[in-house]
Amino acid sequence: MNTVQKTCLGLVAALLAAYGSGTAIKAQERPKITVTIPAAWLRAAPSLTAQRTYPVAKGQFFEVTARTADGGWWQLSLPGGRAEAWMFADLGVVYSGDIRSVPVVTPTVPMAQRNTRSQPKPARFPPWIPTITPRHRAIYQSSVQRGKDLDMFTVIGDCNSMPAVHVHRVATGEFDTSRLEPRLQAVVQRFWRSFGRVSLAAAGGHGAASVMDPLWSDGALCDVKRGQTPLECELWVSRASIVFIALGTKEQYTWREFEDNFRLVVERTLREGVLPVLVTKADDLESFSGAPSQHINMIIRKLAREYDVPLVDFWAATRELPNNGLVDEGERDFHLSLAGKDRRMLVTLQTLAAIIEP
């Protein structure tokens, strides 16, 4: 072999080595995700009841080191040599790389500790939590025959029902579920997918009329050409078996029409084979517009009895809270305070427990 041939072979070998090295480096690159929620907590395990470990904020980037088989959780590499933590996947998006390239792990998720030798009987729920009748439970259980998911609930409502101020607070860790009693932790784990959803029928300004108006439907996800309303669209997309209906604040000026409009909401939900849970409101705005005190809440209670569906009396649940669970906004308070939000989430979980418990 002459000198020229040796030189050429050396160059080829060098190029192959460089290419192989680059390929290896590229193959070792981990996918990255970015946080899309304003603020959230990472967890010690892939569970919404696991201990909160590390706060994150919108726009931060992290490498993914592992994932759960269902794709619901990502294990992230943290800066500063901290132990890796888990992030609920609904709180971020993949920024680069292929999330399927990271290994699937099946970690042990600890349930709340139970003393099996002397487990006390669970305390009774407070009086504002509905007593679930055999009829209520039958509607819930038979919803699966209509294609519904027994492990999914959703919320229909106004600004106080928007995901960021209600169910997402479980997903982000703002509402700390690690401190809940075991039966409520079991509820969170059973319905875990519900806490990351964005309801198509929960928005600021929603009322009983607008959730039945196709003009308010999301054109990208709802069949607006066929007149699908926000309520119908949400029940269709979510496949929820239970729907919490919390409306009435917007009707402070149109309180005379509330009963007719709200009746349609309840009837439509029942026709879809879904269990409606009616929720009273913490405010009494309509009384400033000439309505009798608690006029809308009285209608909600009345229709719960008439249609024999569960009622969460949130008005009663907030009377013991500072300013009745509302932000002090002057004369006409209606936004929920932090204490009000926490109470709303707690009664939601307690009601779900009452529905699924035998």
Protein backbone atom coordinates (compact mmCIF):
# COMPACT_ATOMS: atom_id res chain seq x y z
CA MET A 1 0.00 0.00 0.00
CA ASN A 2 1.52 3.30 -1.05
CA THR A 3 1.63 6.51 0.94
CA VAL A 4 -1.37 8.07 -0.87
CA GLN A 5 -3.55 5.05 -0.17
CA LYS A 6 -2.57 5.04 3.48
CA THR A 7 -3.39 8.74 3.74
CA CYS A 8 -6.83 8.24 2.12
CA LEU A 9 -7.64 5.34 4.40
CA GLY A 10 -6.61 7.40 7.38
CA LEU A 11 -8.91 10.23 6.35
CA VAL A 12 -11.82 7.83 5.84
CA ALA A 13 -11.21 6.27 9.24
CA ALA A 14 -11.11 9.69 10.86
CA LEU A 15 -14.33 10.74 9.17
CA LEU A 16 -16.07 7.54 10.19
CA ALA A 17 -14.90 7.98 13.75
CA ALA A 18 -16.11 11.56 13.84
CA TYR A 19 -19.45 10.61 12.30
CA GLY A 20 -19.88 7.71 14.70
CA SER A 21 -19.01 9.88 17.67
CA GLY A 22 -21.48 12.54 16.57
CA THR A 23 -24.18 9.95 16.07
CA ALA A 24 -23.58 8.54 19.52
CA ILE A 25 -23.78 11.98 21.08
CA LYS A 26 -26.98 12.73 19.20
CA ALA A 27 -28.50 9.41 20.24
CA GLN A 28 -27.77 10.22 23.87
CA GLU A 29 -29.57 13.56 23.76
CA ARG A 30 -32.65 13.48 25.93
CA PRO A 31 -35.95 15.00 24.87
CA LYS A 32 -36.84 18.29 26.50
CA ILE A 33 -40.18 19.62 27.69
CA THR A 34 -41.29 23.12 28.61
CA VAL A 35 -43.80 24.08 31.28
CA THR A 36 -46.97 25.68 29.86
CA ILE A 37 -48.87 26.40 33.09
CA PRO A 38 -48.11 29.61 35.05
CA ALA A 39 -46.89 27.74 38.13
CA ALA A 40 -46.91 24.18 39.39
CA TRP A 41 -45.21 21.67 41.65
CA LEU A 42 -43.27 18.59 40.64
CA ARG A 43 -43.93 15.43 42.63
CA ALA A 44 -41.91 12.76 44.38
CA ALA A 45 -43.83 10.06 42.47
CA PRO A 46 -46.12 9.96 39.41
CA SER A 47 -49.31 10.60 41.36
CA LEU A 48 -51.44 13.65 42.14
CA THR A 49 -51.36 12.60 45.79
CA ALA A 50 -47.55 12.37 45.99
CA GLN A 51 -45.53 14.88 47.98
CA ARG A 52 -44.72 18.16 46.26
CA THR A 53 -40.98 18.52 45.75
CA TYR A 54 -39.94 21.32 43.41
CA PRO A 55 -41.74 24.43 42.09
CA VAL A 56 -41.68 25.19 38.37
CA ALA A 57 -43.02 28.02 36.24
CA LYS A 58 -44.13 28.63 32.68
CA GLY A 59 -41.29 28.71 30.17
CA GLN A 60 -38.82 26.54 32.08
CA PHE A 61 -37.17 23.67 30.20
CA PHE A 62 -36.24 20.25 31.56
CA GLU A 63 -34.78 17.04 30.20
CA VAL A 64 -37.01 13.97 30.42
CA THR A 65 -35.35 10.84 31.82
CA ALA A 66 -38.32 8.47 32.05
CA ARG A 67 -42.08 8.28 31.54
CA THR A 68 -45.05 6.19 32.64
CA ALA A 69 -46.58 3.71 30.21
CA ASP A 70 -49.79 5.73 29.89
CA GLY A 71 -47.85 8.89 29.02
CA GLY A 72 -49.43 10.78 31.89
CA TRP A 73 -46.20 11.52 33.77
CA TRP A 74 -42.64 12.54 32.91
CA GLN A 75 -39.61 12.14 35.13
CA LEU A 76 -37.45 15.25 34.85
CA SER A 77 -33.78 15.94 35.45
CA LEU A 78 -33.45 18.91 37.80
CA PRO A 79 -30.63 21.46 38.02
CA GLY A 80 -28.09 21.57 40.80
CA GLY A 81 -27.89 17.82 41.31
CA ARG A 82 -31.35 17.62 42.85
CA ALA A 83 -33.14 14.30 42.81
CA GLU A 84 -35.26 13.74 39.72
CA ALA A 85 -38.96 14.53 40.11
CA TRP A 86 -42.18 13.78 38.29
CA MET A 87 -44.34 16.19 36.31
CA PHE A 88 -47.98 15.71 35.31
CA ALA A 89 -47.73 15.70 31.51
CA ASP A 90 -50.79 17.91 31.02
CA LEU A 91 -48.78 20.80 32.49
CA GLY A 92 -46.24 20.97 29.66
CA VAL A 93 -45.41 20.11 26.07
CA VAL A 94 -42.49 18.41 24.34
CA TYR A 95 -40.05 21.06 23.10
CA SER A 96 -37.48 18.88 21.36
CA GLY A 97 -36.67 15.23 20.84
CA ASP A 98 -38.85 12.14 20.86
CA ILE A 99 -40.51 11.44 24.19
CA ARG A 100 -40.84 7.80 23.15
CA SER A 101 -37.07 7.42 23.30
CA VAL A 102 -36.96 7.58 27.10
CA PRO A 103 -37.52 4.40 29.11
CA VAL A 104 -40.91 3.48 30.50
CA VAL A 105 -40.87 2.85 34.23
CA THR A 106 -43.48 1.51 36.61
CA PRO A 107 -42.64 3.08 39.96
CA THR A 108 -44.44 2.18 43.15
CA VAL A 109 -46.92 4.90 44.06
CA PRO A 110 -47.54 4.84 47.81
CA MET A 111 -51.14 5.20 48.89
CA ALA A 112 -52.01 7.06 52.04
CA GLN A 113 -50.99 4.97 55.01
CA ARG A 114 -53.73 2.93 56.58
CA ASN A 115 -53.78 1.22 59.93
CA THR A 116 -55.46 -2.03 58.98
CA ARG A 117 -55.62 -3.25 62.57
CA SER A 118 -57.69 -0.37 63.88
CA GLN A 119 -58.94 1.54 60.85
CA PRO A 120 -61.60 3.96 62.11
CA LYS A 121 -64.84 4.31 60.26
CA PRO A 122 -64.58 7.31 57.88
CA ALA A 123 -66.13 10.45 59.32
CA ARG A 124 -69.45 11.52 57.90
CA PHE A 125 -69.31 14.23 55.32
CA PRO A 126 -70.66 17.68 56.28
CA PRO A 127 -74.36 18.39 55.60
CA TRP A 128 -73.72 20.31 52.38
CA ILE A 129 -72.47 17.12 50.69
CA PRO A 130 -75.35 15.26 49.00
CA THR A 131 -76.66 11.94 50.20
CA ILE A 132 -76.33 9.65 47.21
CA THR A 133 -79.44 7.57 46.59
CA PRO A 134 -79.66 4.27 44.69
CA ARG A 135 -81.16 6.24 41.77
CA HIS A 136 -78.18 8.63 41.69
CA ARG A 137 -75.69 5.78 41.73
CA ALA A 138 -77.63 3.90 39.06
CA ILE A 139 -77.44 6.88 36.69
CA TYR A 140 -73.70 7.08 37.26
CA GLN A 141 -73.04 3.38 36.84
CA SER A 142 -75.27 2.98 33.77
CA SER A 143 -73.56 5.89 32.00
CA VAL A 144 -70.97 3.43 30.73
CA GLN A 145 -73.69 1.99 28.48
CA ARG A 146 -73.76 5.38 26.75
CA GLY A 147 -70.01 5.31 26.16
CA LYS A 148 -69.11 7.32 29.27
CA ASP A 149 -66.04 6.84 31.44
CA LEU A 150 -66.72 5.98 35.09
CA ASP A 151 -63.31 7.46 36.01
CA MET A 152 -63.98 10.87 34.45
CA PHE A 153 -65.89 13.88 35.76
CA THR A 154 -66.17 17.38 34.39
CA VAL A 155 -67.36 20.84 35.41
CA ILE A 156 -69.81 23.20 33.72
CA GLY A 157 -69.72 26.75 35.03
CA ASP A 158 -68.56 30.36 35.05
CA CYS A 159 -65.33 32.08 36.09
CA ASN A 160 -65.24 30.27 39.44
CA SER A 161 -65.30 26.95 37.56
CA MET A 162 -62.52 27.67 35.09
CA PRO A 163 -59.78 25.02 35.26
CA ALA A 164 -57.09 27.41 36.52
CA VAL A 165 -59.13 28.29 39.62
CA HIS A 166 -60.72 24.90 40.20
CA VAL A 167 -59.68 21.41 39.01
CA HIS A 168 -56.25 22.41 37.71
CA ARG A 169 -55.29 23.36 41.26
CA VAL A 170 -55.06 19.65 42.03
CA ALA A 171 -52.94 19.05 38.93
CA THR A 172 -50.56 21.91 39.70
CA GLY A 173 -50.28 21.11 43.41
CA GLU A 174 -51.76 24.44 44.53
CA PHE A 175 -54.33 22.32 46.34
CA ASP A 176 -52.17 19.94 48.35
CA THR A 177 -53.73 16.49 48.09
CA SER A 178 -50.93 14.76 50.02
CA ARG A 179 -52.61 15.89 53.24
CA LEU A 180 -56.05 14.52 52.41
CA GLU A 181 -57.65 11.59 54.19
CA PRO A 182 -57.15 8.21 52.44
CA ARG A 183 -60.60 7.97 50.85
CA LEU A 184 -60.20 11.37 49.21
CA GLN A 185 -56.71 10.49 48.00
CA ALA A 186 -58.26 7.40 46.43
CA VAL A 187 -60.75 9.67 44.63
CA VAL A 188 -57.92 11.83 43.27
CA GLN A 189 -56.06 8.77 42.00
CA ARG A 190 -59.17 7.29 40.41
CA PHE A 191 -60.21 10.49 38.59
CA TRP A 192 -56.65 11.75 37.96
CA ARG A 193 -57.16 12.43 34.24
CA SER A 194 -60.05 14.81 35.02
CA PHE A 195 -57.79 17.30 36.79
CA GLY A 196 -55.72 18.10 33.72
CA ARG A 197 -58.62 18.67 31.34
CA VAL A 198 -59.84 22.05 30.09
CA SER A 199 -63.64 21.98 30.14
CA LEU A 200 -65.26 23.29 26.98
CA ALA A 201 -68.18 24.57 29.04
CA ALA A 202 -66.45 26.39 31.89
CA ALA A 203 -65.56 29.99 31.11
CA GLY A 204 -65.87 33.50 32.45
CA GLY A 205 -69.28 34.93 31.60
CA HIS A 206 -70.99 31.57 31.18
CA GLY A 207 -74.59 31.27 32.32
CA ALA A 208 -77.38 28.75 31.99
CA ALA A 209 -78.36 30.22 28.62
CA SER A 210 -74.88 30.42 27.09
CA VAL A 211 -73.89 26.80 27.86
CA MET A 212 -76.90 25.84 25.71
CA ASP A 213 -76.03 28.28 22.92
CA PRO A 214 -73.96 26.92 19.96
CA LEU A 215 -72.51 30.40 19.43
CA TRP A 216 -70.42 29.83 22.58
CA SER A 217 -69.03 26.48 21.38
CA ASP A 218 -65.39 25.95 20.44
CA GLY A 219 -65.46 25.69 16.66
CA ALA A 220 -62.25 23.67 16.58
CA LEU A 221 -63.55 20.88 18.81
CA CYS A 222 -67.34 21.08 18.63
CA ASP A 223 -69.75 20.30 15.80
CA VAL A 224 -71.13 23.84 15.54
CA LYS A 225 -72.54 23.17 12.07
CA ARG A 226 -75.02 20.82 13.70
CA GLY A 227 -75.69 23.23 16.53
CA GLN A 228 -73.71 21.45 19.24
CA THR A 229 -73.81 23.51 22.44
CA PRO A 230 -70.90 23.91 24.89
CA LEU A 231 -72.65 21.53 27.30
CA GLU A 232 -73.22 18.87 24.65
CA CYS A 233 -69.70 19.30 23.29
CA GLU A 234 -68.05 18.92 26.69
CA LEU A 235 -70.06 15.80 27.53
CA TRP A 236 -69.15 14.36 24.12
CA VAL A 237 -65.43 15.17 24.21
CA SER A 238 -64.77 14.37 27.88
CA ARG A 239 -66.96 11.25 28.04
CA ALA A 240 -67.54 12.20 31.67
CA SER A 241 -69.96 10.16 33.73
CA ILE A 242 -70.43 12.91 36.33
CA VAL A 243 -70.86 16.64 35.64
CA PHE A 244 -70.80 19.37 38.29
CA ILE A 245 -73.07 22.22 37.14
CA ALA A 246 -72.20 25.51 38.86
CA LEU A 247 -74.04 28.42 37.24
CA GLY A 248 -76.04 31.46 38.26
CA THR A 249 -73.60 34.28 38.99
CA LYS A 250 -73.93 35.74 35.50
CA GLU A 251 -77.73 35.85 35.85
CA GLN A 252 -77.60 38.67 38.37
CA TYR A 253 -79.59 40.82 35.91
CA THR A 254 -81.53 38.06 34.13
CA TRP A 255 -82.56 36.13 37.21
CA ARG A 256 -86.16 35.88 36.03
CA GLU A 257 -85.11 33.62 33.13
CA PHE A 258 -82.73 31.46 35.15
CA GLU A 259 -85.12 28.66 36.06
CA ASP A 260 -86.23 27.97 32.49
CA ASN A 261 -82.66 28.01 31.19
CA PHE A 262 -81.22 25.96 34.03
CA ARG A 263 -83.96 23.37 33.66
CA LEU A 264 -82.84 22.76 30.07
CA VAL A 265 -79.26 22.19 31.26
CA VAL A 266 -80.34 19.56 33.79
CA GLU A 267 -82.65 17.80 31.34
CA ARG A 268 -80.06 17.68 28.59
CA THR A 269 -77.45 16.22 30.95
CA LEU A 270 -79.84 13.48 32.05
CA ARG A 271 -80.73 12.68 28.43
CA GLU A 272 -77.02 12.16 27.76
CA GLY A 273 -76.99 9.52 30.50
CA VAL A 274 -74.68 11.56 32.73
CA LEU A 275 -75.20 12.19 36.44
CA PRO A 276 -75.63 15.96 37.03
CA VAL A 277 -74.50 17.36 40.38
CA LEU A 278 -76.06 20.79 40.94
CA VAL A 279 -73.97 23.31 42.86
CA THR A 280 -75.29 26.43 44.59
CA LYS A 281 -73.18 29.59 44.53
CA ALA A 282 -71.48 31.53 47.31
CA ASP A 283 -72.72 34.96 46.16
CA ASP A 284 -76.13 36.60 46.10
CA LEU A 285 -75.58 39.13 43.32
CA GLU A 286 -79.13 38.96 41.98
CA SER A 287 -80.47 40.48 45.19
CA PHE A 288 -78.89 43.81 44.10
CA SER A 289 -81.10 43.67 41.00
CA GLY A 290 -84.42 43.26 42.76
CA ALA A 291 -84.49 39.48 43.20
CA PRO A 292 -85.43 37.90 46.53
CA SER A 293 -82.40 36.94 48.59
CA GLN A 294 -80.83 33.69 47.34
CA HIS A 295 -83.37 33.50 44.53
CA ILE A 296 -81.07 31.55 42.18
CA ASN A 297 -79.83 29.18 44.88
CA MET A 298 -83.42 28.41 45.84
CA ILE A 299 -84.13 27.49 42.22
CA ILE A 300 -81.07 25.23 42.09
CA ARG A 301 -82.20 23.46 45.28
CA LYS A 302 -85.75 23.17 43.94
CA LEU A 303 -84.67 21.60 40.65
CA ALA A 304 -82.34 19.18 42.44
CA ARG A 305 -85.36 17.91 44.35
CA GLU A 306 -87.64 17.92 41.31
CA TYR A 307 -85.25 15.93 39.11
CA ASP A 308 -83.93 13.86 42.02
CA VAL A 309 -80.25 14.60 41.38
CA PRO A 310 -77.43 15.34 43.86
CA LEU A 311 -77.05 18.86 45.24
CA VAL A 312 -73.85 20.39 46.62
CA ASP A 313 -74.98 23.32 48.76
CA PHE A 314 -71.86 25.41 48.31
CA TRP A 315 -73.64 28.42 49.80
CA ALA A 316 -73.91 26.54 53.10
CA ALA A 317 -70.32 25.31 52.80
CA THR A 318 -68.93 28.84 52.65
CA ARG A 319 -70.86 30.54 55.45
CA GLU A 320 -68.15 29.78 58.00
CA LEU A 321 -65.32 31.13 55.82
CA PRO A 322 -63.99 34.71 56.00
CA ASN A 323 -66.22 36.91 53.81
CA ASN A 324 -68.16 33.76 52.93
CA GLY A 325 -65.30 32.45 50.80
CA LEU A 326 -65.29 35.47 48.49
CA VAL A 327 -62.70 38.08 47.57
CA ASP A 328 -63.51 41.46 49.10
CA GLU A 329 -64.30 43.47 45.98
CA GLY A 330 -66.42 46.13 47.58
CA GLU A 331 -70.16 45.85 47.65
CA ARG A 332 -70.72 43.00 45.19
CA ASP A 333 -68.32 40.16 45.87
CA PHE A 334 -68.47 37.05 43.69
CA HIS A 335 -64.94 35.79 42.90
CA LEU A 336 -63.82 32.98 45.19
CA SER A 337 -61.01 33.69 47.64
CA LEU A 338 -58.22 31.20 48.26
CA ALA A 339 -60.23 29.75 51.14
CA GLY A 340 -63.27 29.58 48.87
CA LYS A 341 -61.33 27.80 46.13
CA ASP A 342 -59.97 25.27 48.61
CA ARG A 343 -63.44 24.64 50.00
CA ARG A 344 -64.84 24.22 46.49
CA MET A 345 -62.20 21.64 45.64
CA LEU A 346 -62.71 19.80 48.90
CA VAL A 347 -66.49 19.51 48.48
CA THR A 348 -65.96 18.32 44.90
CA LEU A 349 -63.74 15.48 46.11
CA GLN A 350 -66.08 14.65 48.98
CA THR A 351 -69.03 14.46 46.58
CA LEU A 352 -67.12 12.17 44.22
CA ALA A 353 -66.28 9.93 47.18
CA ALA A 354 -69.94 9.80 48.19
CA ILE A 355 -70.93 8.82 44.63
CA ILE A 356 -68.42 5.98 44.18
CA GLU A 357 -68.51 4.57 47.71
CA PRO A 358 -70.88 1.60 48.12
